[in-house]
Amino acid sequence: MSILQGIKSSYTLFGLYGVLLVVKARLLRRPIQVVVSKPGAHPLYLRLRTTDISLFWDILVNDEYDWKPNLMPRVIVDAGANIGLTSVSFANKYPEAKIFAVEPESSNYEILTKNTAAYPNIVPVHAALWKDNEDLNLVNPGGGHWGFQARELAQTDYREKCKHVVGMTVDKLMSDYRVSYIDILKVDIEGAEKEVFEDSSRWIDRVGVIMIELHDRLKVGCSRSVYSAVRDFECEWRKGETTVLARSAYVEGKGREEYPMRTSYDAAAHPVRPKLPLRIREAG
């Protein structure tokens, strides 16, 4: 994004004062943490001069994860939750669902806990989704705050700047939080989906919908690993960079009769898309 495009998008999102704060962040050459809000909604924390702004556009303005399943979700896992914007979007759409926001990177996780604090149905989890339950290194190859990649300790180049994080399998997450079934598994984990789905036999039958961004450009074999695991998922479509893989019950309203149907969902009662521009101020 060019400087002019950045100024235009900042003005659209935050008005004139937002542009002034963006200019200040550029002059200081460091991120500035701000609080944005609209009347009647919980405030959100963002970092100007980071990928937070692009995420805000994709998730809350363009509503990248917008979809109305025929079965109301009870459990959602947001793997690669970053600063929690997708979890917040899900919490507004499905206020009765329990949402597990899994994020490995510590600075993202700190903002995530602030953004989700007002939502009792969101559970922050500081971990990286992985194929085994083991300690990992977290590396940023230059993709900004949304580009951190999990690697095994033995596979990390000693010259790379790393952070340590706990790796957790999907079935370990389900066991720790007593989850019997995941209705929506959202996955944006920068290539680690290859390892996660290579050994999914212990949990894949207990997932209804997968919303995933595939990263074959970062790691060869991501798509192959995922598609080998989801052969029983009858439905597939794309929205933006997200591929949705769903069991037919969630699309056609068949199966699992104990779940309420989508008729109980009222989009007008749980608005997510913000009216622009938003109020903005520097975080104290």
C-alpha atoms as a PDB file:
ATOM      1  CA  MET A   1       0.000   0.000   0.000  1.00  0.00           C
ATOM      2  CA  SER A   2       1.408   3.393  -0.988  1.00  0.00           C
ATOM      3  CA  ILE A   3       1.581   6.341   1.418  1.00  0.00           C
ATOM      4  CA  LEU A   4      -1.319   8.052  -0.400  1.00  0.00           C
ATOM      5  CA  GLN A   5      -3.452   4.901  -0.258  1.00  0.00           C
ATOM      6  CA  GLY A   6      -2.647   4.553   3.440  1.00  0.00           C
ATOM      7  CA  ILE A   7      -3.747   8.124   4.126  1.00  0.00           C
ATOM      8  CA  LYS A   8      -6.982   7.623   2.177  1.00  0.00           C
ATOM      9  CA  SER A   9      -7.850   4.409   3.994  1.00  0.00           C
ATOM     10  CA  SER A  10      -7.008   5.998   7.356  1.00  0.00           C
ATOM     11  CA  TYR A  11      -9.303   8.925   6.583  1.00  0.00           C
ATOM     12  CA  THR A  12     -12.116   6.543   5.608  1.00  0.00           C
ATOM     13  CA  LEU A  13     -11.673   4.516   8.784  1.00  0.00           C
ATOM     14  CA  PHE A  14     -10.860   7.167  11.352  1.00  0.00           C
ATOM     15  CA  GLY A  15     -11.454  10.642   9.907  1.00  0.00           C
ATOM     16  CA  LEU A  16      -9.035  13.573   9.995  1.00  0.00           C
ATOM     17  CA  TYR A  17      -7.728  12.909  13.520  1.00  0.00           C
ATOM     18  CA  GLY A  18      -6.901   9.363  12.487  1.00  0.00           C
ATOM     19  CA  VAL A  19      -4.827  10.673   9.575  1.00  0.00           C
ATOM     20  CA  LEU A  20      -2.911  12.927  11.972  1.00  0.00           C
ATOM     21  CA  LEU A  21      -2.138   9.945  14.216  1.00  0.00           C
ATOM     22  CA  VAL A  22      -0.965   7.892  11.224  1.00  0.00           C
ATOM     23  CA  VAL A  23       1.347  10.738  10.188  1.00  0.00           C
ATOM     24  CA  LYS A  24       2.644  10.930  13.757  1.00  0.00           C
ATOM     25  CA  ALA A  25       3.399   7.187  13.746  1.00  0.00           C
ATOM     26  CA  ARG A  26       5.287   7.538  10.455  1.00  0.00           C
ATOM     27  CA  LEU A  27       7.328  10.488  11.741  1.00  0.00           C
ATOM     28  CA  LEU A  28       8.166   8.597  14.948  1.00  0.00           C
ATOM     29  CA  ARG A  29       8.899   5.456  12.907  1.00  0.00           C
ATOM     30  CA  ARG A  30       7.141   3.252  15.407  1.00  0.00           C
ATOM     31  CA  PRO A  31       3.629   1.894  15.964  1.00  0.00           C
ATOM     32  CA  ILE A  32       1.159   3.921  18.007  1.00  0.00           C
ATOM     33  CA  GLN A  33      -1.494   2.039  19.924  1.00  0.00           C
ATOM     34  CA  VAL A  34      -4.968   3.521  19.539  1.00  0.00           C
ATOM     35  CA  VAL A  35      -8.479   2.754  20.717  1.00  0.00           C
ATOM     36  CA  VAL A  36     -11.268   2.831  18.123  1.00  0.00           C
ATOM     37  CA  SER A  37     -14.967   2.657  18.864  1.00  0.00           C
ATOM     38  CA  LYS A  38     -18.462   3.397  17.699  1.00  0.00           C
ATOM     39  CA  PRO A  39     -21.534   4.184  19.832  1.00  0.00           C
ATOM     40  CA  GLY A  40     -22.951   1.084  21.519  1.00  0.00           C
ATOM     41  CA  ALA A  41     -19.978  -1.164  20.717  1.00  0.00           C
ATOM     42  CA  HIS A  42     -17.005  -2.360  22.721  1.00  0.00           C
ATOM     43  CA  PRO A  43     -13.765  -0.493  21.910  1.00  0.00           C
ATOM     44  CA  LEU A  44     -10.971  -2.163  19.964  1.00  0.00           C
ATOM     45  CA  TYR A  45      -7.226  -1.690  20.304  1.00  0.00           C
ATOM     46  CA  LEU A  46      -5.131  -1.351  17.138  1.00  0.00           C
ATOM     47  CA  ARG A  47      -1.518  -0.483  16.383  1.00  0.00           C
ATOM     48  CA  LEU A  48      -1.046   2.144  13.676  1.00  0.00           C
ATOM     49  CA  ARG A  49       1.838   1.459  11.270  1.00  0.00           C
ATOM     50  CA  THR A  50       1.292  -2.317  11.548  1.00  0.00           C
ATOM     51  CA  THR A  51      -0.746  -4.973   9.763  1.00  0.00           C
ATOM     52  CA  ASP A  52      -3.558  -4.408  12.310  1.00  0.00           C
ATOM     53  CA  ILE A  53      -5.174  -1.885   9.962  1.00  0.00           C
ATOM     54  CA  SER A  54      -5.237  -4.297   7.009  1.00  0.00           C
ATOM     55  CA  LEU A  55      -6.745  -6.955   9.258  1.00  0.00           C
ATOM     56  CA  PHE A  56      -9.409  -4.526  10.414  1.00  0.00           C
ATOM     57  CA  TRP A  57     -10.349  -3.807   6.791  1.00  0.00           C
ATOM     58  CA  ASP A  58     -10.474  -7.489   5.820  1.00  0.00           C
ATOM     59  CA  ILE A  59     -12.313  -8.829   8.863  1.00  0.00           C
ATOM     60  CA  LEU A  60     -14.609  -6.089  10.129  1.00  0.00           C
ATOM     61  CA  VAL A  61     -15.147  -3.854   7.083  1.00  0.00           C
ATOM     62  CA  ASN A  62     -15.081  -6.409   4.245  1.00  0.00           C
ATOM     63  CA  ASP A  63     -16.401  -9.119   6.602  1.00  0.00           C
ATOM     64  CA  GLU A  64     -14.191 -11.846   5.146  1.00  0.00           C
ATOM     65  CA  TYR A  65     -15.573 -14.534   7.464  1.00  0.00           C
ATOM     66  CA  ASP A  66     -19.215 -13.660   6.924  1.00  0.00           C
ATOM     67  CA  TRP A  67     -21.315 -16.779   6.475  1.00  0.00           C
ATOM     68  CA  LYS A  68     -24.649 -17.912   7.892  1.00  0.00           C
ATOM     69  CA  PRO A  69     -24.557 -21.664   8.603  1.00  0.00           C
ATOM     70  CA  ASN A  70     -27.777 -23.632   8.810  1.00  0.00           C
ATOM     71  CA  LEU A  71     -26.683 -24.973  12.195  1.00  0.00           C
ATOM     72  CA  MET A  72     -25.952 -22.432  14.894  1.00  0.00           C
ATOM     73  CA  PRO A  73     -22.346 -22.961  16.097  1.00  0.00           C
ATOM     74  CA  ARG A  74     -21.794 -23.791  19.733  1.00  0.00           C
ATOM     75  CA  VAL A  75     -17.989 -24.024  19.645  1.00  0.00           C
ATOM     76  CA  ILE A  76     -15.609 -22.017  17.441  1.00  0.00           C
ATOM     77  CA  VAL A  77     -11.815 -22.241  17.387  1.00  0.00           C
ATOM     78  CA  ASP A  78     -10.004 -19.201  15.964  1.00  0.00           C
ATOM     79  CA  ALA A  79      -6.489 -20.510  15.276  1.00  0.00           C
ATOM     80  CA  GLY A  80      -4.114 -17.704  14.398  1.00  0.00           C
ATOM     81  CA  ALA A  81      -6.359 -15.207  16.147  1.00  0.00           C
ATOM     82  CA  ASN A  82      -3.795 -12.384  15.945  1.00  0.00           C
ATOM     83  CA  ILE A  83      -5.321  -9.433  17.876  1.00  0.00           C
ATOM     84  CA  GLY A  84      -8.753 -11.038  18.180  1.00  0.00           C
ATOM     85  CA  LEU A  85     -10.748  -9.271  15.452  1.00  0.00           C
ATOM     86  CA  THR A  86     -12.167 -12.478  13.948  1.00  0.00           C
ATOM     87  CA  SER A  87     -13.099 -13.741  17.411  1.00  0.00           C
ATOM     88  CA  VAL A  88     -14.893 -10.453  18.104  1.00  0.00           C
ATOM     89  CA  SER A  89     -16.721 -10.762  14.783  1.00  0.00           C
ATOM     90  CA  PHE A  90     -17.799 -14.309  15.644  1.00  0.00           C
ATOM     91  CA  ALA A  91     -18.826 -13.273  19.170  1.00  0.00           C
ATOM     92  CA  ASN A  92     -21.179 -10.628  17.783  1.00  0.00           C
ATOM     93  CA  LYS A  93     -22.677 -12.976  15.212  1.00  0.00           C
ATOM     94  CA  TYR A  94     -22.955 -16.007  17.501  1.00  0.00           C
ATOM     95  CA  PRO A  95     -23.252 -14.655  21.067  1.00  0.00           C
ATOM     96  CA  GLU A  96     -24.146 -18.079  22.486  1.00  0.00           C
ATOM     97  CA  ALA A  97     -21.075 -19.814  21.035  1.00  0.00           C
ATOM     98  CA  LYS A  98     -17.917 -20.488  23.037  1.00  0.00           C
ATOM     99  CA  ILE A  99     -14.933 -19.132  21.085  1.00  0.00           C
ATOM    100  CA  PHE A 100     -11.322 -20.175  21.682  1.00  0.00           C
ATOM    101  CA  ALA A 101      -8.914 -17.530  20.345  1.00  0.00           C
ATOM    102  CA  VAL A 102      -5.534 -19.246  19.835  1.00  0.00           C
ATOM    103  CA  GLU A 103      -2.579 -16.926  19.210  1.00  0.00           C
ATOM    104  CA  PRO A 104       1.133 -17.729  19.676  1.00  0.00           C
ATOM    105  CA  GLU A 105       2.849 -14.335  19.365  1.00  0.00           C
ATOM    106  CA  SER A 106       3.085 -12.456  22.666  1.00  0.00           C
ATOM    107  CA  SER A 107       2.544  -8.851  21.471  1.00  0.00           C
ATOM    108  CA  ASN A 108      -0.463  -9.905  19.376  1.00  0.00           C
ATOM    109  CA  TYR A 109      -1.781 -11.929  22.301  1.00  0.00           C
ATOM    110  CA  GLU A 110      -1.518  -8.920  24.626  1.00  0.00           C
ATOM    111  CA  ILE A 111      -3.752  -6.864  22.296  1.00  0.00           C
ATOM    112  CA  LEU A 112      -6.057  -9.869  21.819  1.00  0.00           C
ATOM    113  CA  THR A 113      -6.735 -10.065  25.561  1.00  0.00           C
ATOM    114  CA  LYS A 114      -7.692  -6.372  25.569  1.00  0.00           C
ATOM    115  CA  ASN A 115      -9.973  -6.692  22.542  1.00  0.00           C
ATOM    116  CA  THR A 116     -11.787  -9.753  23.890  1.00  0.00           C
ATOM    117  CA  ALA A 117     -12.010  -8.784  27.565  1.00  0.00           C
ATOM    118  CA  ALA A 118     -15.596  -7.538  27.209  1.00  0.00           C
ATOM    119  CA  TYR A 119     -16.766 -10.844  25.672  1.00  0.00           C
ATOM    120  CA  PRO A 120     -17.287 -13.582  28.294  1.00  0.00           C
ATOM    121  CA  ASN A 121     -17.745 -16.192  25.555  1.00  0.00           C
ATOM    122  CA  ILE A 122     -14.203 -15.684  24.170  1.00  0.00           C
ATOM    123  CA  VAL A 123     -11.393 -17.704  25.773  1.00  0.00           C
ATOM    124  CA  PRO A 124      -7.862 -16.499  24.872  1.00  0.00           C
ATOM    125  CA  VAL A 125      -5.298 -19.308  24.486  1.00  0.00           C
ATOM    126  CA  HIS A 126      -1.594 -18.416  24.259  1.00  0.00           C
ATOM    127  CA  ALA A 127      -0.295 -21.244  22.065  1.00  0.00           C
ATOM    128  CA  ALA A 128       0.442 -22.307  18.493  1.00  0.00           C
ATOM    129  CA  LEU A 129      -1.708 -24.922  16.812  1.00  0.00           C
ATOM    130  CA  TRP A 130       0.638 -27.749  15.818  1.00  0.00           C
ATOM    131  CA  LYS A 131       0.972 -31.477  15.059  1.00  0.00           C
ATOM    132  CA  ASP A 132       2.455 -32.327  18.483  1.00  0.00           C
ATOM    133  CA  ASN A 133       2.330 -30.968  22.000  1.00  0.00           C
ATOM    134  CA  GLU A 134       5.831 -29.541  22.221  1.00  0.00           C
ATOM    135  CA  ASP A 135       7.792 -26.324  22.598  1.00  0.00           C
ATOM    136  CA  LEU A 136       8.319 -24.409  19.355  1.00  0.00           C
ATOM    137  CA  ASN A 137      10.195 -21.418  18.030  1.00  0.00           C
ATOM    138  CA  LEU A 138       8.236 -18.519  16.571  1.00  0.00           C
ATOM    139  CA  VAL A 139       9.951 -16.720  13.692  1.00  0.00           C
ATOM    140  CA  ASN A 140       8.990 -13.570  11.805  1.00  0.00           C
ATOM    141  CA  PRO A 141      10.405 -13.798   8.257  1.00  0.00           C
ATOM    142  CA  GLY A 142       9.309 -10.221   7.534  1.00  0.00           C
ATOM    143  CA  GLY A 143       5.542 -10.460   7.117  1.00  0.00           C
ATOM    144  CA  GLY A 144       4.667  -8.018   9.885  1.00  0.00           C
ATOM    145  CA  HIS A 145       2.570  -8.800  12.936  1.00  0.00           C
ATOM    146  CA  TRP A 146       0.455 -11.289  10.972  1.00  0.00           C
ATOM    147  CA  GLY A 147       3.372 -13.266   9.519  1.00  0.00           C
ATOM    148  CA  PHE A 148       4.843 -15.196  12.452  1.00  0.00           C
ATOM    149  CA  GLN A 149       5.644 -18.845  11.677  1.00  0.00           C
ATOM    150  CA  ALA A 150       5.952 -21.786  14.079  1.00  0.00           C
ATOM    151  CA  ARG A 151       8.959 -24.066  13.661  1.00  0.00           C
ATOM    152  CA  GLU A 152      10.359 -27.037  15.520  1.00  0.00           C
ATOM    153  CA  LEU A 153      13.341 -26.168  17.714  1.00  0.00           C
ATOM    154  CA  ALA A 154      15.731 -28.318  15.673  1.00  0.00           C
ATOM    155  CA  GLN A 155      14.601 -26.762  12.371  1.00  0.00           C
ATOM    156  CA  THR A 156      15.277 -23.133  13.296  1.00  0.00           C
ATOM    157  CA  ASP A 157      18.309 -21.360  11.888  1.00  0.00           C
ATOM    158  CA  TYR A 158      20.475 -20.085  14.752  1.00  0.00           C
ATOM    159  CA  ARG A 159      20.763 -16.722  12.973  1.00  0.00           C
ATOM    160  CA  GLU A 160      17.010 -16.120  13.118  1.00  0.00           C
ATOM    161  CA  LYS A 161      15.497 -14.091  15.928  1.00  0.00           C
ATOM    162  CA  CYS A 162      13.055 -16.397  17.707  1.00  0.00           C
ATOM    163  CA  LYS A 163      10.467 -16.438  20.428  1.00  0.00           C
ATOM    164  CA  HIS A 164       9.457 -19.587  22.283  1.00  0.00           C
ATOM    165  CA  VAL A 165       5.844 -20.747  22.396  1.00  0.00           C
ATOM    166  CA  VAL A 166       3.901 -23.846  23.395  1.00  0.00           C
ATOM    167  CA  GLY A 167       2.685 -25.998  20.502  1.00  0.00           C
ATOM    168  CA  MET A 168      -0.738 -27.603  20.962  1.00  0.00           C
ATOM    169  CA  THR A 169      -2.674 -30.148  18.916  1.00  0.00           C
ATOM    170  CA  VAL A 170      -6.369 -29.733  18.146  1.00  0.00           C
ATOM    171  CA  ASP A 171      -7.295 -32.784  20.229  1.00  0.00           C
ATOM    172  CA  LYS A 172      -5.241 -31.462  23.183  1.00  0.00           C
ATOM    173  CA  LEU A 173      -7.146 -28.175  22.978  1.00  0.00           C
ATOM    174  CA  MET A 174     -10.437 -30.075  22.917  1.00  0.00           C
ATOM    175  CA  SER A 175      -9.397 -32.236  25.869  1.00  0.00           C
ATOM    176  CA  ASP A 176      -8.126 -29.325  27.990  1.00  0.00           C
ATOM    177  CA  TYR A 177     -11.335 -27.327  27.518  1.00  0.00           C
ATOM    178  CA  ARG A 178     -13.731 -30.292  27.466  1.00  0.00           C
ATOM    179  CA  VAL A 179     -14.895 -29.695  23.920  1.00  0.00           C
ATOM    180  CA  SER A 180     -16.605 -32.642  22.234  1.00  0.00           C
ATOM    181  CA  TYR A 181     -17.202 -31.023  18.831  1.00  0.00           C
ATOM    182  CA  ILE A 182     -15.903 -27.946  16.981  1.00  0.00           C
ATOM    183  CA  ASP A 183     -18.539 -26.388  14.759  1.00  0.00           C
ATOM    184  CA  ILE A 184     -16.223 -23.869  13.079  1.00  0.00           C
ATOM    185  CA  LEU A 185     -12.441 -24.224  12.939  1.00  0.00           C
ATOM    186  CA  LYS A 186     -10.945 -21.038  11.495  1.00  0.00           C
ATOM    187  CA  VAL A 187      -7.278 -21.498  10.553  1.00  0.00           C
ATOM    188  CA  ASP A 188      -4.787 -18.815   9.501  1.00  0.00           C
ATOM    189  CA  ILE A 189      -1.453 -20.084  10.820  1.00  0.00           C
ATOM    190  CA  GLU A 190       1.111 -19.133   8.168  1.00  0.00           C
ATOM    191  CA  GLY A 191       1.896 -22.585   6.773  1.00  0.00           C
ATOM    192  CA  ALA A 192       1.595 -24.642   9.963  1.00  0.00           C
ATOM    193  CA  GLU A 193      -1.643 -26.064   8.529  1.00  0.00           C
ATOM    194  CA  LYS A 194       0.575 -28.557   6.681  1.00  0.00           C
ATOM    195  CA  GLU A 195       1.727 -30.135   9.949  1.00  0.00           C
ATOM    196  CA  VAL A 196      -1.622 -29.745  11.747  1.00  0.00           C
ATOM    197  CA  PHE A 197      -3.641 -31.555   9.062  1.00  0.00           C
ATOM    198  CA  GLU A 198      -1.021 -34.215   8.265  1.00  0.00           C
ATOM    199  CA  ASP A 199      -2.007 -36.007  11.469  1.00  0.00           C
ATOM    200  CA  SER A 200      -5.669 -35.078  11.938  1.00  0.00           C
ATOM    201  CA  SER A 201      -7.235 -38.515  12.332  1.00  0.00           C
ATOM    202  CA  ARG A 202      -7.772 -38.057  16.088  1.00  0.00           C
ATOM    203  CA  TRP A 203     -10.008 -34.993  15.671  1.00  0.00           C
ATOM    204  CA  ILE A 204     -11.121 -34.321  12.082  1.00  0.00           C
ATOM    205  CA  ASP A 205     -14.367 -36.312  12.522  1.00  0.00           C
ATOM    206  CA  ARG A 206     -15.308 -33.891  15.304  1.00  0.00           C
ATOM    207  CA  VAL A 207     -15.176 -30.735  13.152  1.00  0.00           C
ATOM    208  CA  GLY A 208     -18.115 -29.397  11.135  1.00  0.00           C
ATOM    209  CA  VAL A 209     -16.686 -26.461   9.152  1.00  0.00           C
ATOM    210  CA  ILE A 210     -13.130 -25.363   8.359  1.00  0.00           C
ATOM    211  CA  MET A 211     -12.415 -21.781   7.263  1.00  0.00           C
ATOM    212  CA  ILE A 212      -8.774 -21.705   6.227  1.00  0.00           C
ATOM    213  CA  GLU A 213      -6.201 -19.582   4.452  1.00  0.00           C
ATOM    214  CA  LEU A 214      -3.786 -21.887   2.635  1.00  0.00           C
ATOM    215  CA  HIS A 215      -0.109 -20.899   2.481  1.00  0.00           C
ATOM    216  CA  ASP A 216       1.505 -23.004  -0.238  1.00  0.00           C
ATOM    217  CA  ARG A 217       3.516 -19.896  -1.156  1.00  0.00           C
ATOM    218  CA  LEU A 218       5.243 -20.222   2.229  1.00  0.00           C
ATOM    219  CA  LYS A 219       5.430 -24.000   2.561  1.00  0.00           C
ATOM    220  CA  VAL A 220       4.992 -26.612  -0.148  1.00  0.00           C
ATOM    221  CA  GLY A 221       2.290 -29.178   0.603  1.00  0.00           C
ATOM    222  CA  CYS A 222      -0.171 -27.114   2.654  1.00  0.00           C
ATOM    223  CA  SER A 223      -3.124 -27.647   0.303  1.00  0.00           C
ATOM    224  CA  ARG A 224      -2.308 -31.313  -0.218  1.00  0.00           C
ATOM    225  CA  SER A 225      -2.222 -31.908   3.543  1.00  0.00           C
ATOM    226  CA  VAL A 226      -5.545 -30.148   4.152  1.00  0.00           C
ATOM    227  CA  TYR A 227      -7.449 -31.711   1.249  1.00  0.00           C
ATOM    228  CA  SER A 228      -6.259 -35.199   2.203  1.00  0.00           C
ATOM    229  CA  ALA A 229      -7.774 -34.687   5.652  1.00  0.00           C
ATOM    230  CA  VAL A 230     -11.173 -33.296   4.560  1.00  0.00           C
ATOM    231  CA  ARG A 231     -12.322 -35.928   2.067  1.00  0.00           C
ATOM    232  CA  ASP A 232     -15.584 -36.352   3.995  1.00  0.00           C
ATOM    233  CA  PHE A 233     -16.431 -32.639   3.783  1.00  0.00           C
ATOM    234  CA  GLU A 234     -18.980 -32.376   0.992  1.00  0.00           C
ATOM    235  CA  CYS A 235     -19.034 -28.596   0.388  1.00  0.00           C
ATOM    236  CA  GLU A 236     -16.373 -26.093  -0.616  1.00  0.00           C
ATOM    237  CA  TRP A 237     -16.247 -22.443  -1.675  1.00  0.00           C
ATOM    238  CA  ARG A 238     -13.939 -19.455  -1.453  1.00  0.00           C
ATOM    239  CA  LYS A 239     -14.286 -15.903  -0.215  1.00  0.00           C
ATOM    240  CA  GLY A 240     -11.255 -13.699  -0.721  1.00  0.00           C
ATOM    241  CA  GLU A 241      -8.222 -15.645   0.478  1.00  0.00           C
ATOM    242  CA  THR A 242     -10.322 -17.946   2.667  1.00  0.00           C
ATOM    243  CA  THR A 243     -11.323 -21.449   1.606  1.00  0.00           C
ATOM    244  CA  VAL A 244     -14.412 -22.838   3.360  1.00  0.00           C
ATOM    245  CA  LEU A 245     -14.811 -26.616   3.708  1.00  0.00           C
ATOM    246  CA  ALA A 246     -18.087 -27.725   5.272  1.00  0.00           C
ATOM    247  CA  ARG A 247     -20.102 -30.806   6.034  1.00  0.00           C
ATOM    248  CA  SER A 248     -23.455 -30.759   4.244  1.00  0.00           C
ATOM    249  CA  ALA A 249     -25.409 -30.513   7.503  1.00  0.00           C
ATOM    250  CA  TYR A 250     -24.119 -26.975   7.972  1.00  0.00           C
ATOM    251  CA  VAL A 251     -25.072 -25.972   4.462  1.00  0.00           C
ATOM    252  CA  GLU A 252     -28.286 -27.882   3.834  1.00  0.00           C
ATOM    253  CA  GLY A 253     -29.654 -28.047   7.370  1.00  0.00           C
ATOM    254  CA  LYS A 254     -29.554 -31.837   7.589  1.00  0.00           C
ATOM    255  CA  GLY A 255     -28.144 -34.057  10.308  1.00  0.00           C
ATOM    256  CA  ARG A 256     -27.439 -33.390  14.029  1.00  0.00           C
ATOM    257  CA  GLU A 257     -31.018 -32.667  15.054  1.00  0.00           C
ATOM    258  CA  GLU A 258     -30.101 -31.427  18.515  1.00  0.00           C
ATOM    259  CA  TYR A 259     -28.758 -28.200  16.992  1.00  0.00           C
ATOM    260  CA  PRO A 260     -31.064 -25.209  16.415  1.00  0.00           C
ATOM    261  CA  MET A 261     -31.478 -24.114  12.809  1.00  0.00           C
ATOM    262  CA  ARG A 262     -30.302 -20.806  11.381  1.00  0.00           C
ATOM    263  CA  THR A 263     -33.756 -19.253  11.697  1.00  0.00           C
ATOM    264  CA  SER A 264     -32.751 -18.251  15.234  1.00  0.00           C
ATOM    265  CA  TYR A 265     -29.961 -16.032  13.855  1.00  0.00           C
ATOM    266  CA  ASP A 266     -30.896 -12.379  13.462  1.00  0.00           C
ATOM    267  CA  ALA A 267     -28.144 -10.453  11.666  1.00  0.00           C
ATOM    268  CA  ALA A 268     -29.808  -7.120  12.417  1.00  0.00           C
ATOM    269  CA  ALA A 269     -29.706  -7.872  16.131  1.00  0.00           C
ATOM    270  CA  HIS A 270     -25.956  -8.566  16.059  1.00  0.00           C
ATOM    271  CA  PRO A 271     -24.419  -6.020  13.663  1.00  0.00           C
ATOM    272  CA  VAL A 272     -20.703  -6.433  13.017  1.00  0.00           C
ATOM    273  CA  ARG A 273     -19.746  -4.135  10.158  1.00  0.00           C
ATOM    274  CA  PRO A 274     -18.845  -0.731  11.611  1.00  0.00           C
ATOM    275  CA  LYS A 275     -20.245   2.570  10.420  1.00  0.00           C
ATOM    276  CA  LEU A 276     -17.328   4.703   9.292  1.00  0.00           C
ATOM    277  CA  PRO A 277     -15.497   6.769  10.316  1.00  0.00           C
ATOM    278  CA  LEU A 278     -14.860   5.384  13.789  1.00  0.00           C
ATOM    279  CA  ARG A 279     -13.915   7.359  16.860  1.00  0.00           C
ATOM    280  CA  ILE A 280     -10.192   7.127  17.543  1.00  0.00           C
ATOM    281  CA  ARG A 281      -7.856   8.177  20.336  1.00  0.00           C
ATOM    282  CA  GLU A 282      -4.386   7.283  21.491  1.00  0.00           C
ATOM    283  CA  ALA A 283      -4.332   4.528  24.101  1.00  0.00           C
ATOM    284  CA  GLY A 284      -3.424   5.813  27.536  1.00  0.00           C
END
